[in-house]
Amino acid sequence: MGEVIGLGDRQPKEPLQLAIQGMLTATGSARGDAAELGVTVEAWRKAARAAGRELGRPLQTVASGTIVHAVLKDWPRDEAERRIHDEAMWAALGSISLR
């Protein structure tokens, strides 16, 4: 077995944290069902908070049963995120049937 390289104060990122971080970066929010993922609600929230810290962004988590949400509190913070946000809003509006 090879030598273990120290990470200093940094801990290796868990797959759940990486997945949540990807969702936060892409859309400003993340959602998951802790039970389906085989983790506790608190473990999901802990991973989400770690993802927020890694991004250097304020984050809020909310749980209802086993469904957990994480939202970046400063989303959108720049023009690129505003574009993503606006496109998602227009897509949502476009999916509403006006009868």
C-alpha atoms as a PDB file:
ATOM      1  CA  MET A   1       0.000   0.000   0.000  1.00  0.00           C
ATOM      2  CA  GLY A   2       1.324   3.452  -0.897  1.00  0.00           C
ATOM      3  CA  GLU A   3       1.955   6.417   1.327  1.00  0.00           C
ATOM      4  CA  VAL A   4      -1.095   8.385   2.410  1.00  0.00           C
ATOM      5  CA  ILE A   5      -0.806  12.025   1.445  1.00  0.00           C
ATOM      6  CA  GLY A   6      -2.124  14.456   4.046  1.00  0.00           C
ATOM      7  CA  LEU A   7      -4.867  16.858   3.090  1.00  0.00           C
ATOM      8  CA  GLY A   8      -4.106  19.323   5.873  1.00  0.00           C
ATOM      9  CA  ASP A   9      -7.362  20.751   7.226  1.00  0.00           C
ATOM     10  CA  ARG A  10      -9.311  19.671   4.138  1.00  0.00           C
ATOM     11  CA  GLN A  11     -11.356  16.513   4.251  1.00  0.00           C
ATOM     12  CA  PRO A  12     -12.046  14.512   1.100  1.00  0.00           C
ATOM     13  CA  LYS A  13     -15.454  15.358  -0.348  1.00  0.00           C
ATOM     14  CA  GLU A  14     -18.181  12.759  -0.067  1.00  0.00           C
ATOM     15  CA  PRO A  15     -20.083  11.768  -3.232  1.00  0.00           C
ATOM     16  CA  LEU A  16     -23.297  13.197  -1.750  1.00  0.00           C
ATOM     17  CA  GLN A  17     -21.615  16.543  -1.111  1.00  0.00           C
ATOM     18  CA  LEU A  18     -20.268  16.606  -4.661  1.00  0.00           C
ATOM     19  CA  ALA A  19     -23.703  15.824  -6.096  1.00  0.00           C
ATOM     20  CA  ILE A  20     -25.364  18.547  -4.026  1.00  0.00           C
ATOM     21  CA  GLN A  21     -22.612  21.012  -4.914  1.00  0.00           C
ATOM     22  CA  GLY A  22     -23.182  20.288  -8.604  1.00  0.00           C
ATOM     23  CA  MET A  23     -26.920  20.942  -8.283  1.00  0.00           C
ATOM     24  CA  LEU A  24     -26.326  24.156  -6.340  1.00  0.00           C
ATOM     25  CA  THR A  25     -23.868  25.402  -8.936  1.00  0.00           C
ATOM     26  CA  ALA A  26     -26.187  24.518 -11.818  1.00  0.00           C
ATOM     27  CA  THR A  27     -29.480  25.872 -10.485  1.00  0.00           C
ATOM     28  CA  GLY A  28     -28.990  27.506  -7.086  1.00  0.00           C
ATOM     29  CA  SER A  29     -30.852  24.728  -5.323  1.00  0.00           C
ATOM     30  CA  ALA A  30     -30.689  21.014  -4.610  1.00  0.00           C
ATOM     31  CA  ARG A  31     -33.312  18.479  -3.645  1.00  0.00           C
ATOM     32  CA  GLY A  32     -33.103  14.908  -2.493  1.00  0.00           C
ATOM     33  CA  ASP A  33     -34.968  12.140  -0.766  1.00  0.00           C
ATOM     34  CA  ALA A  34     -32.731  11.064   2.098  1.00  0.00           C
ATOM     35  CA  ALA A  35     -34.528   7.729   2.445  1.00  0.00           C
ATOM     36  CA  GLU A  36     -34.017   6.871  -1.238  1.00  0.00           C
ATOM     37  CA  LEU A  37     -30.347   7.786  -0.934  1.00  0.00           C
ATOM     38  CA  GLY A  38     -29.941   5.661   2.186  1.00  0.00           C
ATOM     39  CA  VAL A  39     -28.865   8.524   4.428  1.00  0.00           C
ATOM     40  CA  THR A  40     -30.471  10.375   7.295  1.00  0.00           C
ATOM     41  CA  VAL A  41     -32.020  13.795   6.758  1.00  0.00           C
ATOM     42  CA  GLU A  42     -29.336  15.246   9.025  1.00  0.00           C
ATOM     43  CA  ALA A  43     -26.557  13.620   6.960  1.00  0.00           C
ATOM     44  CA  TRP A  44     -28.039  15.120   3.771  1.00  0.00           C
ATOM     45  CA  ARG A  45     -28.262  18.546   5.391  1.00  0.00           C
ATOM     46  CA  LYS A  46     -24.683  18.230   6.681  1.00  0.00           C
ATOM     47  CA  ALA A  47     -23.478  17.407   3.148  1.00  0.00           C
ATOM     48  CA  ALA A  48     -25.428  20.392   1.783  1.00  0.00           C
ATOM     49  CA  ARG A  49     -23.913  22.746   4.356  1.00  0.00           C
ATOM     50  CA  ALA A  50     -20.443  21.435   3.470  1.00  0.00           C
ATOM     51  CA  ALA A  51     -21.190  22.078  -0.215  1.00  0.00           C
ATOM     52  CA  GLY A  52     -22.273  25.642   0.594  1.00  0.00           C
ATOM     53  CA  ARG A  53     -19.081  26.233   2.575  1.00  0.00           C
ATOM     54  CA  GLU A  54     -16.992  24.831  -0.283  1.00  0.00           C
ATOM     55  CA  LEU A  55     -18.706  27.263  -2.662  1.00  0.00           C
ATOM     56  CA  GLY A  56     -18.323  30.115  -0.171  1.00  0.00           C
ATOM     57  CA  ARG A  57     -22.058  30.798  -0.408  1.00  0.00           C
ATOM     58  CA  PRO A  58     -24.814  31.239   2.188  1.00  0.00           C
ATOM     59  CA  LEU A  59     -27.185  28.298   2.188  1.00  0.00           C
ATOM     60  CA  GLN A  60     -30.479  27.341   3.788  1.00  0.00           C
ATOM     61  CA  THR A  61     -31.800  23.802   4.150  1.00  0.00           C
ATOM     62  CA  VAL A  62     -35.406  22.773   4.672  1.00  0.00           C
ATOM     63  CA  ALA A  63     -36.767  19.287   5.304  1.00  0.00           C
ATOM     64  CA  SER A  64     -40.233  17.810   5.082  1.00  0.00           C
ATOM     65  CA  GLY A  65     -40.259  14.180   6.073  1.00  0.00           C
ATOM     66  CA  THR A  66     -37.378  12.622   4.164  1.00  0.00           C
ATOM     67  CA  ILE A  67     -37.422  15.215   1.359  1.00  0.00           C
ATOM     68  CA  VAL A  68     -34.653  17.767   1.825  1.00  0.00           C
ATOM     69  CA  HIS A  69     -34.022  21.018  -0.034  1.00  0.00           C
ATOM     70  CA  ALA A  70     -30.996  23.296  -0.029  1.00  0.00           C
ATOM     71  CA  VAL A  71     -31.109  26.794  -1.507  1.00  0.00           C
ATOM     72  CA  LEU A  72     -28.324  29.304  -2.066  1.00  0.00           C
ATOM     73  CA  LYS A  73     -29.530  32.442  -0.316  1.00  0.00           C
ATOM     74  CA  ASP A  74     -27.632  34.746  -2.686  1.00  0.00           C
ATOM     75  CA  TRP A  75     -28.838  33.116  -5.939  1.00  0.00           C
ATOM     76  CA  PRO A  76     -28.632  34.630  -8.510  1.00  0.00           C
ATOM     77  CA  ARG A  77     -25.523  36.630  -7.684  1.00  0.00           C
ATOM     78  CA  ASP A  78     -24.181  37.390 -11.155  1.00  0.00           C
ATOM     79  CA  GLU A  79     -25.324  37.713 -14.754  1.00  0.00           C
ATOM     80  CA  ALA A  80     -24.661  34.070 -15.635  1.00  0.00           C
ATOM     81  CA  GLU A  81     -26.808  32.865 -12.725  1.00  0.00           C
ATOM     82  CA  ARG A  82     -29.480  35.438 -13.545  1.00  0.00           C
ATOM     83  CA  ARG A  83     -29.657  34.011 -17.083  1.00  0.00           C
ATOM     84  CA  ILE A  84     -30.076  30.463 -15.725  1.00  0.00           C
ATOM     85  CA  HIS A  85     -32.744  31.683 -13.309  1.00  0.00           C
ATOM     86  CA  ASP A  86     -34.649  33.611 -15.986  1.00  0.00           C
ATOM     87  CA  GLU A  87     -34.551  30.695 -18.438  1.00  0.00           C
ATOM     88  CA  ALA A  88     -35.945  28.355 -15.776  1.00  0.00           C
ATOM     89  CA  MET A  89     -38.720  30.821 -14.945  1.00  0.00           C
ATOM     90  CA  TRP A  90     -39.684  31.197 -18.613  1.00  0.00           C
ATOM     91  CA  ALA A  91     -39.651  27.416 -19.058  1.00  0.00           C
ATOM     92  CA  ALA A  92     -41.938  27.035 -16.037  1.00  0.00           C
ATOM     93  CA  LEU A  93     -44.288  29.684 -17.373  1.00  0.00           C
ATOM     94  CA  GLY A  94     -44.248  28.054 -20.803  1.00  0.00           C
ATOM     95  CA  SER A  95     -45.318  24.729 -19.317  1.00  0.00           C
ATOM     96  CA  ILE A  96     -48.485  26.233 -17.816  1.00  0.00           C
ATOM     97  CA  SER A  97     -51.512  25.490 -19.916  1.00  0.00           C
ATOM     98  CA  LEU A  98     -53.702  28.550 -20.374  1.00  0.00           C
ATOM     99  CA  ARG A  99     -57.203  27.301 -21.095  1.00  0.00           C
END
